[in-house]
Amino acid sequence: MSAATDGARATRERERDPRQASIGELLTAITRDTSSLVRQEIELAKAEARAEIRTAAKAAGMFGGAALGGFMVLLFLSYAMWWGLSNVIDQGWSALIVAAVWAVIAGVLIAMARARVRSLGRLPQTSGTVRRIPDAVKGQADHRAGGQP
């Protein structure tokens, strides 16, 4: 047998028995195993993300179909209201009344949406955490965040 074959066999035996392996061989094995574990975790995360995206896309399609159905209901209810009012008053006036009802509804929804947008904050906890990142990288901890000096 050659010296290279004996060396390779000895290395394999030391990898099987960590007590006989050198520090370099142990570090090589740890690095290889860690790299393999990280790659496997990334692949698992990708597979899970693809499955979640498919489910979310199907749900979004269903919401879109429901929105279309709701729009059609409102459209035909508006037509029914227009035709019902046209039995009492002129057809042009009944159409104008239905349009005015929808204008009032739209105005109320806009006012409510504006109030909600104005009440939105800046995300204070996230902003504070992001501000502490440079200090954390430098090795300085913030006692309020539970860090150690």
Protein backbone atom coordinates (compact mmCIF):
# COMPACT_ATOMS: atom_id res chain seq x y z
CA MET A 1 0.00 0.00 0.00
CA SER A 2 1.11 3.56 -0.62
CA ALA A 3 1.62 6.24 2.00
CA ALA A 4 -1.27 8.32 0.52
CA THR A 5 -3.71 5.43 0.88
CA ASP A 6 -2.59 4.83 4.46
CA GLY A 7 -2.98 8.57 5.22
CA ALA A 8 -6.51 8.69 3.76
CA ARG A 9 -7.51 5.58 5.72
CA ALA A 10 -6.11 7.07 8.93
CA THR A 11 -8.02 10.32 8.32
CA ARG A 12 -11.30 8.42 7.81
CA GLU A 13 -10.72 6.44 10.98
CA ARG A 14 -10.01 9.61 12.98
CA GLU A 15 -13.20 11.24 11.61
CA ARG A 16 -15.18 8.25 12.85
CA ASP A 17 -13.49 8.39 16.25
CA PRO A 18 -13.24 12.05 17.35
CA ARG A 19 -10.82 11.13 20.15
CA GLN A 20 -8.15 10.29 17.56
CA ALA A 21 -8.79 13.28 15.24
CA SER A 22 -6.62 16.38 15.20
CA ILE A 23 -8.07 19.82 15.85
CA GLY A 24 -7.80 20.66 12.15
CA GLU A 25 -9.73 17.54 11.19
CA LEU A 26 -12.38 18.27 13.80
CA LEU A 27 -12.76 21.86 12.55
CA THR A 28 -12.99 20.60 8.97
CA ALA A 29 -15.72 18.14 9.97
CA ILE A 30 -17.61 20.81 11.94
CA THR A 31 -17.39 23.25 9.04
CA ARG A 32 -18.56 20.62 6.55
CA ASP A 33 -21.45 19.51 8.77
CA THR A 34 -22.50 23.09 9.51
CA SER A 35 -22.40 23.99 5.82
CA SER A 36 -24.48 20.93 4.99
CA LEU A 37 -26.98 21.75 7.75
CA VAL A 38 -27.34 25.34 6.58
CA ARG A 39 -27.90 24.23 2.96
CA GLN A 40 -30.54 21.72 4.08
CA GLU A 41 -32.30 24.34 6.20
CA ILE A 42 -32.32 26.78 3.28
CA GLU A 43 -33.82 24.14 0.99
CA LEU A 44 -36.47 23.33 3.62
CA ALA A 45 -37.30 27.02 4.00
CA LYS A 46 -37.60 27.37 0.20
CA ALA A 47 -39.93 24.38 -0.01
CA GLU A 48 -42.09 25.67 2.85
CA ALA A 49 -42.19 29.15 1.29
CA ARG A 50 -43.28 27.73 -2.07
CA ALA A 51 -46.10 25.80 -0.41
CA GLU A 52 -47.22 28.86 1.56
CA ILE A 53 -47.10 31.04 -1.56
CA ARG A 54 -49.27 28.55 -3.45
CA THR A 55 -51.81 28.53 -0.63
CA ALA A 56 -51.77 32.34 -0.39
CA ALA A 57 -52.21 32.67 -4.16
CA LYS A 58 -55.24 30.38 -4.10
CA ALA A 59 -56.73 32.34 -1.20
CA ALA A 60 -56.09 35.63 -3.03
CA GLY A 61 -57.86 34.24 -6.10
CA MET A 62 -60.82 33.27 -3.95
CA PHE A 63 -60.91 36.76 -2.40
CA GLY A 64 -60.82 38.22 -5.91
CA GLY A 65 -63.75 36.03 -6.95
CA ALA A 66 -65.67 37.04 -3.82
CA ALA A 67 -64.96 40.72 -4.53
CA LEU A 68 -66.27 40.32 -8.07
CA GLY A 69 -69.37 38.56 -6.76
CA GLY A 70 -69.92 41.34 -4.20
CA PHE A 71 -69.52 43.97 -6.91
CA MET A 72 -72.11 42.21 -9.07
CA VAL A 73 -74.54 42.07 -6.14
CA LEU A 74 -74.13 45.80 -5.52
CA LEU A 75 -74.49 46.55 -9.23
CA PHE A 76 -77.74 44.63 -9.56
CA LEU A 77 -79.11 46.00 -6.30
CA SER A 78 -78.36 49.47 -7.64
CA TYR A 79 -80.21 48.65 -10.86
CA ALA A 80 -83.14 47.29 -8.86
CA MET A 81 -83.23 50.45 -6.74
CA TRP A 82 -83.08 52.60 -9.87
CA TRP A 83 -85.92 50.69 -11.54
CA GLY A 84 -87.96 50.64 -8.34
CA LEU A 85 -87.63 54.40 -7.94
CA SER A 86 -88.48 54.91 -11.62
CA ASN A 87 -91.98 53.57 -10.84
CA VAL A 88 -92.49 56.48 -8.44
CA ILE A 89 -90.49 59.27 -10.12
CA ASP A 90 -88.93 59.91 -13.51
CA GLN A 91 -86.22 57.44 -14.54
CA GLY A 92 -83.54 60.14 -14.83
CA TRP A 93 -84.22 61.38 -11.29
CA SER A 94 -84.17 57.85 -9.90
CA ALA A 95 -80.74 57.24 -11.51
CA LEU A 96 -79.50 60.50 -10.01
CA ILE A 97 -80.73 59.48 -6.53
CA VAL A 98 -78.96 56.09 -6.77
CA ALA A 99 -75.74 57.84 -7.89
CA ALA A 100 -76.05 60.29 -4.97
CA VAL A 101 -76.42 57.40 -2.50
CA TRP A 102 -73.24 55.84 -3.86
CA ALA A 103 -71.45 59.20 -3.70
CA VAL A 104 -72.37 59.53 -0.01
CA ILE A 105 -71.16 55.98 0.69
CA ALA A 106 -67.87 56.70 -1.14
CA GLY A 107 -67.41 59.95 0.79
CA VAL A 108 -67.92 58.23 4.14
CA LEU A 109 -65.45 55.47 3.21
CA ILE A 110 -62.85 58.04 2.11
CA ALA A 111 -63.21 59.95 5.38
CA MET A 112 -62.83 56.74 7.40
CA ALA A 113 -59.77 55.68 5.37
CA ARG A 114 -58.12 59.08 5.84
CA ALA A 115 -58.67 58.88 9.60
CA ARG A 116 -57.10 55.43 9.70
CA VAL A 117 -54.08 56.53 7.64
CA ARG A 118 -53.52 59.55 9.88
CA SER A 119 -53.64 57.34 12.97
CA LEU A 120 -50.84 55.11 11.67
CA GLY A 121 -47.64 55.43 13.66
CA ARG A 122 -44.06 54.90 12.75
CA LEU A 123 -43.39 51.47 14.32
CA PRO A 124 -41.60 52.71 17.44
CA GLN A 125 -40.24 49.36 18.60
CA THR A 126 -38.76 48.51 15.20
CA SER A 127 -37.29 51.99 14.82
CA GLY A 128 -35.62 51.71 18.23
CA THR A 129 -34.22 48.28 17.45
CA VAL A 130 -32.82 49.43 14.12
CA ARG A 131 -31.16 52.41 15.81
CA ARG A 132 -29.41 50.03 18.25
CA ILE A 133 -27.94 47.79 15.52
CA PRO A 134 -24.75 49.86 14.93
CA ASP A 135 -24.03 49.85 18.69
CA ALA A 136 -24.61 46.10 18.86
CA VAL A 137 -22.19 45.53 16.00
CA LYS A 138 -19.57 47.63 17.79
CA GLY A 139 -20.07 45.51 20.92
CA GLN A 140 -22.00 48.06 22.93
CA ALA A 141 -25.23 46.86 24.48
CA ASP A 142 -28.27 48.85 25.52
CA HIS A 143 -29.39 47.98 29.06
CA ARG A 144 -33.02 48.85 28.22
CA ALA A 145 -33.02 46.13 25.56
CA GLY A 146 -31.81 43.55 28.07
CA GLY A 147 -28.23 43.46 26.76
CA GLN A 148 -25.11 42.90 28.78
CA PRO A 149 -22.44 45.64 29.04
